[in-house]
Amino acid sequence: GDDSQRLIEDAAALSEAGAFGVLMEMVPASTAAAVDAAVSIPTIGIGAGSTTTGQVLV
């Protein structure tokens, strides 16, 4: 949806601006996978599925 697309675009903008990683909490797994595919920096998920570069389990 629109929220997913906005998150993907925001993550790409952060990556282009020099961010070293993206942390996503409670993001649908399909959106997290799309963000991971859209950026070259590491993605870390907290309750965001198993498709991120890494996970924080709490």
N, C-alpha and C. Protein backbone atom coordinates (compact mmCIF):
# COMPACT_ATOMS: atom_id res chain seq x y z
N GLY A 1 0.81 -1.19 0.00
CA GLY A 1 0.00 0.00 0.00
C GLY A 1 0.85 1.25 0.00
N ASP A 2 0.21 2.35 0.20
CA ASP A 2 0.90 3.64 0.21
C ASP A 2 1.93 3.73 1.32
N ASP A 3 1.59 3.19 2.51
CA ASP A 3 2.53 3.24 3.63
C ASP A 3 3.79 2.44 3.32
N SER A 4 3.62 1.29 2.70
CA SER A 4 4.78 0.46 2.35
C SER A 4 5.66 1.18 1.34
N GLN A 5 5.05 1.76 0.33
CA GLN A 5 5.83 2.47 -0.69
C GLN A 5 6.56 3.65 -0.08
N ARG A 6 5.91 4.34 0.83
CA ARG A 6 6.56 5.49 1.47
C ARG A 6 7.76 5.03 2.30
N LEU A 7 7.61 3.92 3.01
CA LEU A 7 8.72 3.40 3.81
C LEU A 7 9.90 3.01 2.92
N ILE A 8 9.62 2.39 1.79
CA ILE A 8 10.67 2.02 0.85
C ILE A 8 11.38 3.27 0.33
N GLU A 9 10.61 4.27 -0.04
CA GLU A 9 11.19 5.52 -0.55
C GLU A 9 12.00 6.23 0.53
N ASP A 10 11.48 6.26 1.75
CA ASP A 10 12.20 6.90 2.86
C ASP A 10 13.52 6.18 3.15
N ALA A 11 13.49 4.86 3.14
CA ALA A 11 14.71 4.09 3.39
C ALA A 11 15.75 4.35 2.30
N ALA A 12 15.30 4.43 1.06
CA ALA A 12 16.22 4.72 -0.05
C ALA A 12 16.81 6.12 0.11
N ALA A 13 16.00 7.07 0.51
CA ALA A 13 16.49 8.44 0.71
C ALA A 13 17.51 8.49 1.85
N LEU A 14 17.24 7.76 2.92
CA LEU A 14 18.19 7.71 4.04
C LEU A 14 19.51 7.09 3.60
N SER A 15 19.42 6.03 2.82
CA SER A 15 20.62 5.38 2.32
C SER A 15 21.44 6.34 1.46
N GLU A 16 20.77 7.03 0.57
CA GLU A 16 21.45 7.99 -0.30
C GLU A 16 22.06 9.15 0.50
N ALA A 17 21.44 9.47 1.64
CA ALA A 17 21.94 10.57 2.48
C ALA A 17 23.12 10.15 3.35
N GLY A 18 23.44 8.84 3.34
CA GLY A 18 24.61 8.39 4.08
C GLY A 18 24.32 7.58 5.33
N ALA A 19 23.07 7.20 5.56
CA ALA A 19 22.76 6.38 6.73
C ALA A 19 23.52 5.06 6.64
N PHE A 20 23.89 4.51 7.80
CA PHE A 20 24.65 3.26 7.80
C PHE A 20 23.77 2.04 7.95
N GLY A 21 22.48 2.24 8.20
CA GLY A 21 21.56 1.12 8.35
C GLY A 21 20.14 1.61 8.52
N VAL A 22 19.20 0.68 8.43
CA VAL A 22 17.78 0.98 8.61
C VAL A 22 17.23 -0.01 9.63
N LEU A 23 16.58 0.50 10.66
CA LEU A 23 15.94 -0.32 11.68
C LEU A 23 14.43 -0.26 11.47
N MET A 24 13.80 -1.43 11.38
CA MET A 24 12.35 -1.48 11.17
C MET A 24 11.73 -2.31 12.28
N GLU A 25 10.73 -1.75 12.94
CA GLU A 25 10.02 -2.46 14.00
C GLU A 25 8.56 -2.63 13.62
N MET A 26 8.06 -3.87 13.76
CA MET A 26 6.66 -4.19 13.49
C MET A 26 6.25 -3.78 12.06
N VAL A 27 7.10 -4.09 11.12
CA VAL A 27 6.83 -3.84 9.71
C VAL A 27 6.46 -5.18 9.08
N PRO A 28 5.44 -5.21 8.23
CA PRO A 28 5.10 -6.48 7.57
C PRO A 28 6.32 -7.07 6.84
N ALA A 29 6.44 -8.38 6.89
CA ALA A 29 7.60 -9.04 6.29
C ALA A 29 7.77 -8.70 4.82
N SER A 30 6.68 -8.59 4.10
CA SER A 30 6.79 -8.26 2.66
C SER A 30 7.35 -6.86 2.45
N THR A 31 6.98 -5.93 3.31
CA THR A 31 7.51 -4.57 3.21
C THR A 31 8.98 -4.55 3.60
N ALA A 32 9.32 -5.26 4.66
CA ALA A 32 10.72 -5.33 5.08
C ALA A 32 11.59 -5.92 3.98
N ALA A 33 11.09 -6.93 3.29
CA ALA A 33 11.84 -7.53 2.19
C ALA A 33 12.03 -6.53 1.06
N ALA A 34 11.01 -5.75 0.78
CA ALA A 34 11.11 -4.74 -0.29
C ALA A 34 12.10 -3.65 0.09
N VAL A 35 12.10 -3.24 1.35
CA VAL A 35 13.07 -2.24 1.81
C VAL A 35 14.47 -2.81 1.68
N ASP A 36 14.66 -4.04 2.13
CA ASP A 36 15.98 -4.68 2.06
C ASP A 36 16.48 -4.74 0.61
N ALA A 37 15.58 -5.02 -0.31
CA ALA A 37 15.97 -5.10 -1.72
C ALA A 37 16.27 -3.72 -2.32
N ALA A 38 15.68 -2.68 -1.73
CA ALA A 38 15.81 -1.34 -2.30
C ALA A 38 17.06 -0.59 -1.85
N VAL A 39 17.70 -1.06 -0.79
CA VAL A 39 18.86 -0.34 -0.25
C VAL A 39 20.08 -1.24 -0.22
N SER A 40 21.25 -0.62 -0.22
CA SER A 40 22.49 -1.39 -0.16
C SER A 40 23.07 -1.43 1.25
N ILE A 41 22.43 -0.74 2.18
CA ILE A 41 22.89 -0.73 3.57
C ILE A 41 22.17 -1.82 4.35
N PRO A 42 22.73 -2.22 5.49
CA PRO A 42 22.07 -3.27 6.28
C PRO A 42 20.69 -2.84 6.78
N THR A 43 19.80 -3.80 6.84
CA THR A 43 18.47 -3.60 7.42
C THR A 43 18.35 -4.50 8.64
N ILE A 44 17.83 -3.95 9.71
CA ILE A 44 17.66 -4.69 10.95
C ILE A 44 16.18 -4.68 11.28
N GLY A 45 15.64 -5.84 11.57
CA GLY A 45 14.22 -5.95 11.89
C GLY A 45 13.97 -6.34 13.33
N ILE A 46 12.92 -5.76 13.88
CA ILE A 46 12.39 -6.17 15.19
C ILE A 46 10.93 -6.51 14.92
N GLY A 47 10.63 -7.78 14.82
CA GLY A 47 9.28 -8.19 14.47
C GLY A 47 8.92 -7.82 13.04
N ALA A 48 9.90 -7.92 12.14
CA ALA A 48 9.70 -7.53 10.75
C ALA A 48 9.99 -8.67 9.78
N GLY A 49 9.90 -9.89 10.26
CA GLY A 49 10.14 -11.04 9.39
C GLY A 49 11.61 -11.41 9.33
N SER A 50 11.90 -12.39 8.53
CA SER A 50 13.27 -12.94 8.47
C SER A 50 14.05 -12.50 7.24
N THR A 51 13.54 -11.56 6.48
CA THR A 51 14.21 -11.17 5.24
C THR A 51 15.16 -9.99 5.40
N THR A 52 15.25 -9.44 6.60
CA THR A 52 16.17 -8.33 6.82
C THR A 52 17.59 -8.86 6.96
N THR A 53 18.56 -7.96 6.88
CA THR A 53 19.96 -8.36 7.01
C THR A 53 20.22 -8.99 8.37
N GLY A 54 19.59 -8.44 9.39
CA GLY A 54 19.74 -8.97 10.75
C GLY A 54 18.46 -8.75 11.53
N GLN A 55 18.41 -9.35 12.71
CA GLN A 55 17.21 -9.24 13.55
C GLN A 55 17.61 -8.97 14.99
N VAL A 56 16.76 -8.24 15.68
CA VAL A 56 16.88 -8.06 17.12
C VAL A 56 15.72 -8.83 17.72
N LEU A 57 16.02 -9.79 18.54
CA LEU A 57 14.98 -10.59 19.18
C LEU A 57 14.88 -10.17 20.64
N VAL A 58 13.72 -9.65 20.99
CA VAL A 58 13.52 -9.20 22.38
C VAL A 58 12.31 -9.88 22.98
